[in-house]
Amino acid sequence: MAAVAVSHVYPLGSRLNEQGRLEVGGCDVVELAREFGTPAYVYAEDDMRARSRAYLEAFRARIERFEVIYASKAFPCTAVYRLFAEEGLSTDVASAGELHLALAGGFEPELIYMHGNNKTPADLDDALEAGVGHIVVDSFDEIDRLRGREARVLVRVTPGIKPSTHSYIQTGQEDSKFGFGLDDVPRAVAACAEAGLQLDGLHAHIGSQVFELEAFERLAEVLVDMGDWPLLNLGGGLGIAYTRDQRPPAIEEYVDALLRHAFEGVTVLCEPGRSLVGSAGVTIYTVGTVKRIPGVRTYVAVDGGMSDNLRPMLYGARYEAEIADRFGGGDQVTIAGMHCESGDILVRDALLDDPRPGDVLVTPATGAYGHAMANNYNALLRPPVIFCKDGDARVVVRRETYDDLTRRDV
């Protein structure tokens, strides 16, 4: 058969090759499963680079002073930090551990923004000793911890905007653990000055997996109306397509919405995470068993589950799946993980073409918050991360070993 393109939920450039197998980054995923084992996270490197360039070009065409900051909680590993540093992005981190990874990945400290609603004194010490560009302060207690120290900061604002997304990833509403409410912002600004901190601007973030452009416009309006500042950080939150019926705004449309208000003399910052890496990654599994319950359901069990993709259990997130060498159509099945939980369901209603033990199964759009949230429940080993480009595959995070499970035991 001739090679054909696949759905937009797969990484850019993905296709079915002449053997009818899925290729990601030019690599046959059936062959990847044979070489590296399953489960495994597979990324198209060129997809991430293309999306970072799309952000830079969209801002460059519309405004003179801007900064695109990779929100690294979506996918933190040294290889991806290195990739985005090469592309000219900055990054933000939400812990001292992510700071360590960003520095190891080659980010210059001044291009790093330190986040977190409960930064410990040790976290702040690490950030200041590293020389991070800015600390985004989240509370009056944090301002007190920084008192008298040489620190450039942004004040995180809770703008009172509640977008249409899962409640667990809404962050801009008034009832939020993050940031200062609108009434408290003047006090926070005064407290920064009194503590001797260099306050360069404001930050706000309304939530994640957001499709509503109007919510981003309202966010920009709120920050613009809060006075003249050298820096305004509009956060991130642009959603991606997890299923083929979803059509998120294009990066250019999102940037248009952010910049609809005038930003004269201001450097505008933006923090994409999921929209840089989410669509670039897929997870590959091996089918272990197929259980048919007549008149009820067919369960297809794979060699992973909630240890490598927690989002379906945590948020009720919907995914699609395909057999890597038999795409399209088939019967409705439920894809189950191998954990000792009835709720360990990766895809509730997938259409698979005659699934059998030994098949390689692919779930797309797992590039964000898969590796980041991976865990060792039931003592499963965390999967490797594989970057693919022009038909070449390289492991950038190795698979755990059983020795890793006992390495920290004393």
Protein backbone atom coordinates (compact mmCIF):
# COMPACT_ATOMS: atom_id res chain seq x y z
CA MET A 1 0.00 0.00 0.00
CA ALA A 2 1.07 3.61 -0.48
CA ALA A 3 2.01 5.62 2.60
CA VAL A 4 -0.88 7.68 4.00
CA ALA A 5 -1.20 10.44 6.59
CA VAL A 6 -3.02 9.87 9.87
CA SER A 7 -5.31 11.91 12.12
CA HIS A 8 -4.28 15.30 13.51
CA VAL A 9 -4.08 13.83 17.03
CA TYR A 10 -0.80 12.16 16.03
CA PRO A 11 2.56 13.98 15.84
CA LEU A 12 3.24 16.14 12.82
CA GLY A 13 4.55 14.06 9.93
CA SER A 14 3.13 10.77 11.24
CA ARG A 15 1.93 8.35 8.59
CA LEU A 16 1.11 4.76 7.78
CA ASN A 17 4.02 3.35 5.84
CA GLU A 18 3.93 0.93 2.92
CA GLN A 19 3.52 -1.98 5.35
CA GLY A 20 0.49 -0.30 6.92
CA ARG A 21 2.36 0.47 10.15
CA LEU A 22 2.39 3.75 12.02
CA GLU A 23 5.53 5.84 11.69
CA VAL A 24 6.38 8.61 14.16
CA GLY A 25 9.37 10.79 13.38
CA GLY A 26 10.09 8.48 10.48
CA CYS A 27 10.33 5.44 12.79
CA ASP A 28 8.13 2.35 12.50
CA VAL A 29 6.56 2.00 15.96
CA VAL A 30 6.27 -1.79 15.64
CA GLU A 31 10.03 -1.91 15.17
CA LEU A 32 10.46 0.53 18.08
CA ALA A 33 8.50 -1.86 20.29
CA ARG A 34 10.76 -4.73 19.25
CA GLU A 35 13.94 -2.74 19.84
CA PHE A 36 13.10 -0.84 23.02
CA GLY A 37 10.23 -2.80 24.54
CA THR A 38 6.90 -1.53 25.83
CA PRO A 39 5.44 0.52 27.29
CA ALA A 40 7.45 3.43 25.93
CA TYR A 41 6.93 7.13 25.31
CA VAL A 42 7.77 8.00 21.70
CA TYR A 43 8.23 11.61 20.56
CA ALA A 44 8.61 13.19 17.14
CA GLU A 45 11.43 15.63 17.76
CA ASP A 46 10.61 17.76 14.73
CA ASP A 47 7.05 18.24 16.01
CA MET A 48 8.30 19.93 19.18
CA ARG A 49 10.72 22.09 17.23
CA ALA A 50 8.03 23.09 14.74
CA ARG A 51 5.62 24.15 17.48
CA SER A 52 8.25 26.16 19.31
CA ARG A 53 9.08 27.98 16.07
CA ALA A 54 5.39 28.59 15.42
CA TYR A 55 5.11 30.34 18.79
CA LEU A 56 8.19 32.45 18.16
CA GLU A 57 7.08 33.40 14.66
CA ALA A 58 3.54 34.24 15.81
CA PHE A 59 4.82 36.64 18.46
CA ARG A 60 7.56 38.06 16.24
CA ALA A 61 4.98 38.97 13.58
CA ARG A 62 2.79 40.83 16.08
CA ILE A 63 4.93 42.42 18.78
CA GLU A 64 8.49 43.61 19.23
CA ARG A 65 9.21 42.55 22.80
CA PHE A 66 8.20 39.08 23.91
CA GLU A 67 9.43 35.88 25.49
CA VAL A 68 8.14 32.34 24.96
CA ILE A 69 8.65 30.26 28.10
CA TYR A 70 8.33 26.46 28.07
CA ALA A 71 6.11 25.38 30.98
CA SER A 72 8.22 22.38 31.78
CA LYS A 73 5.92 20.61 34.23
CA ALA A 74 4.26 19.18 31.11
CA PHE A 75 7.33 17.11 30.24
CA PRO A 76 10.53 17.60 32.23
CA CYS A 77 13.68 15.79 31.14
CA THR A 78 17.12 17.07 30.21
CA ALA A 79 16.71 16.25 26.51
CA VAL A 80 13.57 18.35 26.10
CA TYR A 81 15.05 21.24 28.07
CA ARG A 82 18.05 21.08 25.75
CA LEU A 83 15.79 21.05 22.68
CA PHE A 84 13.84 24.14 23.70
CA ALA A 85 16.99 25.96 24.81
CA GLU A 86 18.37 25.34 21.32
CA GLU A 87 15.16 26.75 19.83
CA GLY A 88 15.55 30.02 21.75
CA LEU A 89 12.86 29.55 24.38
CA SER A 90 13.03 30.30 28.08
CA THR A 91 11.58 27.87 30.63
CA ASP A 92 9.67 27.84 33.87
CA VAL A 93 10.06 25.35 36.69
CA ALA A 94 7.74 24.50 39.56
CA SER A 95 10.21 22.90 41.96
CA ALA A 96 13.89 22.69 42.82
CA GLY A 97 13.92 19.33 41.04
CA GLU A 98 12.71 20.84 37.78
CA LEU A 99 15.26 23.63 38.28
CA HIS A 100 17.99 21.00 38.55
CA LEU A 101 16.81 19.35 35.32
CA ALA A 102 16.57 22.66 33.45
CA LEU A 103 20.12 23.60 34.41
CA ALA A 104 21.37 20.11 33.52
CA GLY A 105 19.60 20.47 30.17
CA GLY A 106 21.58 23.59 29.36
CA PHE A 107 19.25 26.48 30.15
CA GLU A 108 20.99 29.68 31.17
CA PRO A 109 19.80 30.54 34.69
CA GLU A 110 18.59 34.00 33.68
CA LEU A 111 16.13 32.37 31.26
CA ILE A 112 14.47 30.36 34.04
CA TYR A 113 11.31 31.43 35.91
CA MET A 114 10.69 29.81 39.30
CA HIS A 115 7.05 28.97 40.10
CA GLY A 116 5.24 27.25 42.94
CA ASN A 117 2.54 28.11 45.47
CA ASN A 118 4.60 26.78 48.39
CA LYS A 119 8.27 27.33 47.67
CA THR A 120 10.26 26.20 50.68
CA PRO A 121 13.18 28.25 52.02
CA ALA A 122 15.46 25.62 50.46
CA ASP A 123 13.70 26.00 47.08
CA LEU A 124 14.22 29.76 47.19
CA ASP A 125 17.86 29.32 48.23
CA ASP A 126 18.43 27.01 45.26
CA ALA A 127 16.77 29.46 42.87
CA LEU A 128 18.75 32.44 44.10
CA GLU A 129 22.05 30.56 44.20
CA ALA A 130 21.46 29.38 40.63
CA GLY A 131 20.70 32.95 39.55
CA VAL A 132 17.28 32.36 38.02
CA GLY A 133 15.88 35.24 36.02
CA HIS A 134 12.69 35.70 38.04
CA ILE A 135 10.85 34.18 40.96
CA VAL A 136 7.07 34.33 40.57
CA VAL A 137 5.87 35.09 44.10
CA ASP A 138 2.63 33.45 45.16
CA SER A 139 2.01 34.56 48.74
CA PHE A 140 2.83 37.07 51.45
CA ASP A 141 4.74 34.34 53.30
CA GLU A 142 6.97 33.89 50.27
CA ILE A 143 7.65 37.62 50.10
CA ASP A 144 8.71 37.47 53.76
CA ARG A 145 11.07 34.57 53.00
CA LEU A 146 12.74 36.67 50.30
CA ARG A 147 13.02 39.79 52.44
CA GLY A 148 16.32 41.59 52.06
CA ARG A 149 17.63 39.23 49.38
CA GLU A 150 18.62 40.22 45.88
CA ALA A 151 15.75 38.84 43.83
CA ARG A 152 13.85 39.84 40.71
CA VAL A 153 10.23 38.85 41.03
CA LEU A 154 6.83 38.83 39.38
CA VAL A 155 3.61 38.89 41.41
CA ARG A 156 1.18 36.11 40.52
CA VAL A 157 -2.34 37.45 40.11
CA THR A 158 -5.50 35.35 40.42
CA PRO A 159 -7.57 37.17 37.78
CA GLY A 160 -11.02 35.82 38.67
CA ILE A 161 -11.45 34.01 35.34
CA LYS A 162 -12.86 30.48 35.31
CA PRO A 163 -12.37 28.83 31.90
CA SER A 164 -14.22 25.76 30.65
CA THR A 165 -11.83 22.98 31.60
CA HIS A 166 -11.58 20.33 34.31
CA SER A 167 -11.81 21.85 37.79
CA TYR A 168 -8.47 20.30 38.79
CA ILE A 169 -6.65 22.36 36.15
CA GLN A 170 -8.51 25.63 36.58
CA THR A 171 -6.16 28.10 38.25
CA GLY A 172 -7.52 31.58 37.51
CA GLN A 173 -10.74 31.55 39.52
CA GLU A 174 -11.06 33.47 42.79
CA ASP A 175 -11.13 30.26 44.85
CA SER A 176 -7.61 29.06 44.00
CA LYS A 177 -4.55 28.01 45.95
CA PHE A 178 -2.44 30.05 43.52
CA GLY A 179 -1.50 33.72 43.59
CA PHE A 180 -2.99 36.92 44.95
CA GLY A 181 -6.63 37.85 44.47
CA LEU A 182 -7.30 41.13 42.69
CA ASP A 183 -7.98 42.94 45.96
CA ASP A 184 -4.66 41.74 47.42
CA VAL A 185 -2.43 42.68 44.49
CA PRO A 186 -1.79 46.28 45.65
CA ARG A 187 -0.76 44.96 49.07
CA ALA A 188 1.52 42.38 47.43
CA VAL A 189 3.15 45.07 45.29
CA ALA A 190 3.74 47.22 48.38
CA ALA A 191 5.08 44.23 50.32
CA CYS A 192 7.62 43.48 47.57
CA ALA A 193 8.85 47.07 47.69
CA GLU A 194 9.04 47.04 51.49
CA ALA A 195 10.99 43.75 51.38
CA GLY A 196 13.54 45.24 48.98
CA LEU A 197 12.66 43.01 46.04
CA GLN A 198 12.92 44.08 42.41
CA LEU A 199 9.35 43.75 41.13
CA ASP A 200 9.38 43.69 37.33
CA GLY A 201 5.77 42.83 36.56
CA LEU A 202 2.75 40.59 36.95
CA HIS A 203 1.94 36.99 36.11
CA ALA A 204 -1.38 35.19 35.68
CA HIS A 205 -2.46 31.77 34.45
CA ILE A 206 -6.11 30.80 34.06
CA GLY A 207 -5.76 27.03 33.65
CA SER A 208 -4.87 24.24 31.24
CA GLN A 209 -6.42 22.54 28.22
CA VAL A 210 -8.41 25.69 27.39
CA PHE A 211 -10.01 26.23 23.96
CA GLU A 212 -11.90 29.49 24.69
CA LEU A 213 -9.98 32.39 23.16
CA GLU A 214 -12.26 34.86 24.96
CA ALA A 215 -10.87 33.71 28.32
CA PHE A 216 -7.35 34.56 27.20
CA GLU A 217 -8.52 37.95 25.94
CA ARG A 218 -10.10 38.69 29.32
CA LEU A 219 -6.90 37.69 31.08
CA ALA A 220 -4.86 40.11 28.98
CA GLU A 221 -7.37 42.87 29.68
CA VAL A 222 -7.17 42.29 33.44
CA LEU A 223 -3.37 42.53 33.48
CA VAL A 224 -3.21 45.55 31.16
CA ASP A 225 -5.63 47.37 33.45
CA MET A 226 -3.41 46.79 36.49
CA GLY A 227 -0.93 49.55 35.70
CA ASP A 228 2.28 50.02 33.76
CA TRP A 229 4.81 47.22 34.14
CA PRO A 230 7.95 46.26 32.19
CA LEU A 231 6.84 42.60 32.05
CA LEU A 232 3.41 41.00 31.80
CA ASN A 233 3.33 37.21 31.87
CA LEU A 234 0.05 35.88 30.45
CA GLY A 235 0.69 32.27 31.42
CA GLY A 236 -0.21 29.37 29.16
CA GLY A 237 -3.12 26.99 28.89
CA LEU A 238 -3.81 26.45 25.18
CA GLY A 239 -5.36 23.02 24.74
CA ILE A 240 -4.61 20.25 22.27
CA ALA A 241 -6.66 17.60 20.47
CA TYR A 242 -6.81 14.32 22.37
CA THR A 243 -9.50 12.90 20.11
CA ARG A 244 -10.15 13.55 16.45
CA ASP A 245 -13.39 15.42 17.16
CA GLN A 246 -11.47 18.12 19.08
CA ARG A 247 -10.23 21.17 17.17
CA PRO A 248 -8.24 23.52 19.39
CA PRO A 249 -7.36 27.03 18.25
CA ALA A 250 -4.19 27.33 16.20
CA ILE A 251 -1.13 28.82 17.88
CA GLU A 252 -1.51 31.93 15.74
CA GLU A 253 -5.15 32.38 16.82
CA TYR A 254 -4.15 31.98 20.46
CA VAL A 255 -1.39 34.58 20.18
CA ASP A 256 -3.82 36.94 18.42
CA ALA A 257 -6.19 36.62 21.38
CA LEU A 258 -3.42 37.30 23.89
CA LEU A 259 -2.29 40.41 22.02
CA ARG A 260 -5.70 41.86 21.18
CA HIS A 261 -5.08 44.59 23.75
CA ALA A 262 -2.32 47.16 23.34
CA PHE A 263 0.98 46.35 25.05
CA GLU A 264 2.95 49.52 24.41
CA GLY A 265 6.42 49.43 25.91
CA VAL A 266 5.75 46.08 27.58
CA THR A 267 7.56 42.76 27.19
CA VAL A 268 4.85 40.11 26.89
CA LEU A 269 5.58 36.65 28.22
CA CYS A 270 3.72 33.44 27.40
CA GLU A 271 4.10 29.98 28.98
CA PRO A 272 3.02 27.15 26.64
CA GLY A 273 3.56 23.61 27.89
CA ARG A 274 1.02 21.06 26.72
CA SER A 275 0.67 22.80 23.33
CA LEU A 276 4.42 22.39 22.73
CA VAL A 277 4.80 18.72 23.66
CA GLY A 278 1.39 17.07 24.07
CA SER A 279 0.70 16.23 20.44
CA ALA A 280 4.35 15.34 19.79
CA GLY A 281 4.23 12.15 21.84
CA VAL A 282 2.52 8.77 21.69
CA THR A 283 2.69 5.83 24.07
CA ILE A 284 3.17 2.33 22.73
CA TYR A 285 2.03 -0.79 24.57
CA THR A 286 1.81 -4.52 23.95
CA VAL A 287 -1.58 -6.22 24.19
CA GLY A 288 -1.45 -9.00 26.78
CA THR A 289 -4.98 -10.39 27.00
CA VAL A 290 -8.35 -9.94 25.32
CA LYS A 291 -11.38 -10.68 27.52
CA ARG A 292 -14.75 -10.86 25.78
CA ILE A 293 -17.87 -10.69 27.96
CA PRO A 294 -20.77 -11.48 25.58
CA GLY A 295 -23.36 -8.74 25.51
CA VAL A 296 -21.36 -6.61 27.93
CA ARG A 297 -17.86 -5.51 26.93
CA THR A 298 -14.51 -6.56 25.52
CA TYR A 299 -11.46 -5.71 27.61
CA VAL A 300 -8.09 -5.35 25.91
CA ALA A 301 -5.36 -5.34 28.57
CA VAL A 302 -1.97 -3.76 27.93
CA ASP A 303 1.36 -3.81 29.75
CA GLY A 304 1.00 -0.36 31.32
CA GLY A 305 -1.83 1.78 32.63
CA MET A 306 -2.21 4.31 35.41
CA SER A 307 1.52 4.16 36.17
CA ASP A 308 2.39 5.66 32.78
CA ASN A 309 -0.78 7.68 32.06
CA LEU A 310 -2.63 8.85 35.15
CA ARG A 311 -4.76 11.45 33.35
CA PRO A 312 -7.78 9.22 32.53
CA MET A 313 -8.09 8.26 36.21
CA LEU A 314 -7.29 11.72 37.59
CA TYR A 315 -9.30 13.91 35.19
CA GLY A 316 -11.48 11.49 33.25
CA ALA A 317 -9.36 12.40 30.21
CA ARG A 318 -10.41 10.85 26.90
CA TYR A 319 -7.95 9.25 24.50
CA GLU A 320 -8.01 7.27 21.28
CA ALA A 321 -6.03 4.16 20.41
CA GLU A 322 -5.11 2.07 17.39
CA ILE A 323 -3.35 -1.18 16.64
CA ALA A 324 -0.07 0.04 15.19
CA ASP A 325 -0.29 -2.10 12.05
CA ARG A 326 -4.10 -2.27 11.64
CA PHE A 327 -5.41 1.29 11.69
CA GLY A 328 -9.05 2.25 11.42
CA GLY A 329 -12.46 0.80 12.17
CA GLY A 330 -13.08 -2.36 14.12
CA ASP A 331 -15.12 -3.17 17.19
CA GLN A 332 -15.66 -1.09 20.31
CA VAL A 333 -13.47 -2.23 23.18
CA THR A 334 -12.19 -0.95 26.51
CA ILE A 335 -8.44 -0.67 26.96
CA ALA A 336 -7.43 -1.62 30.49
CA GLY A 337 -4.14 -1.32 32.27
CA MET A 338 -2.47 -4.08 34.27
CA HIS A 339 -2.80 -2.50 37.73
CA CYS A 340 -4.81 -3.88 40.64
CA GLU A 341 -7.56 -1.28 40.23
CA SER A 342 -10.88 -1.62 38.42
CA GLY A 343 -10.53 2.06 37.55
CA ASP A 344 -7.28 1.44 35.66
CA ILE A 345 -8.89 2.16 32.29
CA LEU A 346 -6.90 4.01 29.63
CA VAL A 347 -9.59 4.27 26.93
CA ARG A 348 -13.23 3.50 27.67
CA ASP A 349 -14.51 3.18 24.09
CA ALA A 350 -11.83 2.48 21.49
CA LEU A 351 -12.39 1.10 18.01
CA LEU A 352 -9.78 -1.59 17.36
CA ASP A 353 -9.45 -3.92 14.41
CA ASP A 354 -9.39 -7.49 15.78
CA PRO A 355 -7.06 -6.94 18.77
CA ARG A 356 -4.91 -9.94 19.69
CA PRO A 357 -2.24 -10.71 22.28
CA GLY A 358 1.12 -9.47 21.06
CA ASP A 359 -0.28 -6.54 19.08
CA VAL A 360 1.43 -3.18 19.48
CA LEU A 361 -1.15 -0.61 20.58
CA VAL A 362 -0.67 3.15 20.29
CA THR A 363 -2.35 5.97 22.22
CA PRO A 364 -1.68 9.41 20.70
CA ALA A 365 -1.38 12.82 22.38
CA THR A 366 0.41 11.53 25.47
CA GLY A 367 3.38 13.88 25.19
CA ALA A 368 2.28 16.04 28.12
CA TYR A 369 1.83 14.77 31.68
CA GLY A 370 2.54 11.13 30.83
CA HIS A 371 6.23 10.93 31.68
CA ALA A 372 5.77 13.84 34.08
CA MET A 373 3.20 11.97 36.21
CA ALA A 374 4.63 8.47 35.78
CA ASN A 375 4.80 6.43 38.97
CA ASN A 376 5.74 3.00 40.30
CA TYR A 377 2.33 1.77 41.41
CA ASN A 378 2.42 -2.03 41.78
CA ALA A 379 6.21 -1.64 41.42
CA LEU A 380 5.96 -1.29 37.65
CA LEU A 381 9.01 0.18 35.97
CA ARG A 382 8.67 3.64 34.50
CA PRO A 383 8.96 3.58 30.68
CA PRO A 384 11.76 4.99 28.57
CA VAL A 385 11.47 8.17 26.53
CA ILE A 386 12.47 7.83 22.88
CA PHE A 387 13.07 10.75 20.53
CA CYS A 388 12.59 10.03 16.81
CA LYS A 389 13.83 12.17 13.94
CA ASP A 390 14.23 11.35 10.24
CA GLY A 391 13.95 7.64 10.94
CA ASP A 392 16.53 7.58 13.74
CA ALA A 393 15.50 6.75 17.29
CA ARG A 394 17.43 7.51 20.47
CA VAL A 395 16.66 6.86 24.11
CA VAL A 396 16.77 10.09 26.13
CA VAL A 397 15.40 8.60 29.37
CA ARG A 398 16.13 4.92 29.97
CA ARG A 399 13.64 2.40 31.24
CA GLU A 400 13.84 1.79 34.96
CA THR A 401 15.26 -1.49 36.24
CA TYR A 402 14.27 -3.60 39.22
CA ASP A 403 17.44 -2.40 40.91
CA ASP A 404 16.05 1.14 40.63
CA LEU A 405 13.09 0.04 42.74
CA THR A 406 15.35 -0.82 45.69
CA ARG A 407 18.06 1.79 45.16
CA ARG A 408 16.59 4.20 47.72
CA ASP A 409 15.75 1.58 50.32
CA VAL A 410 17.88 1.60 53.48
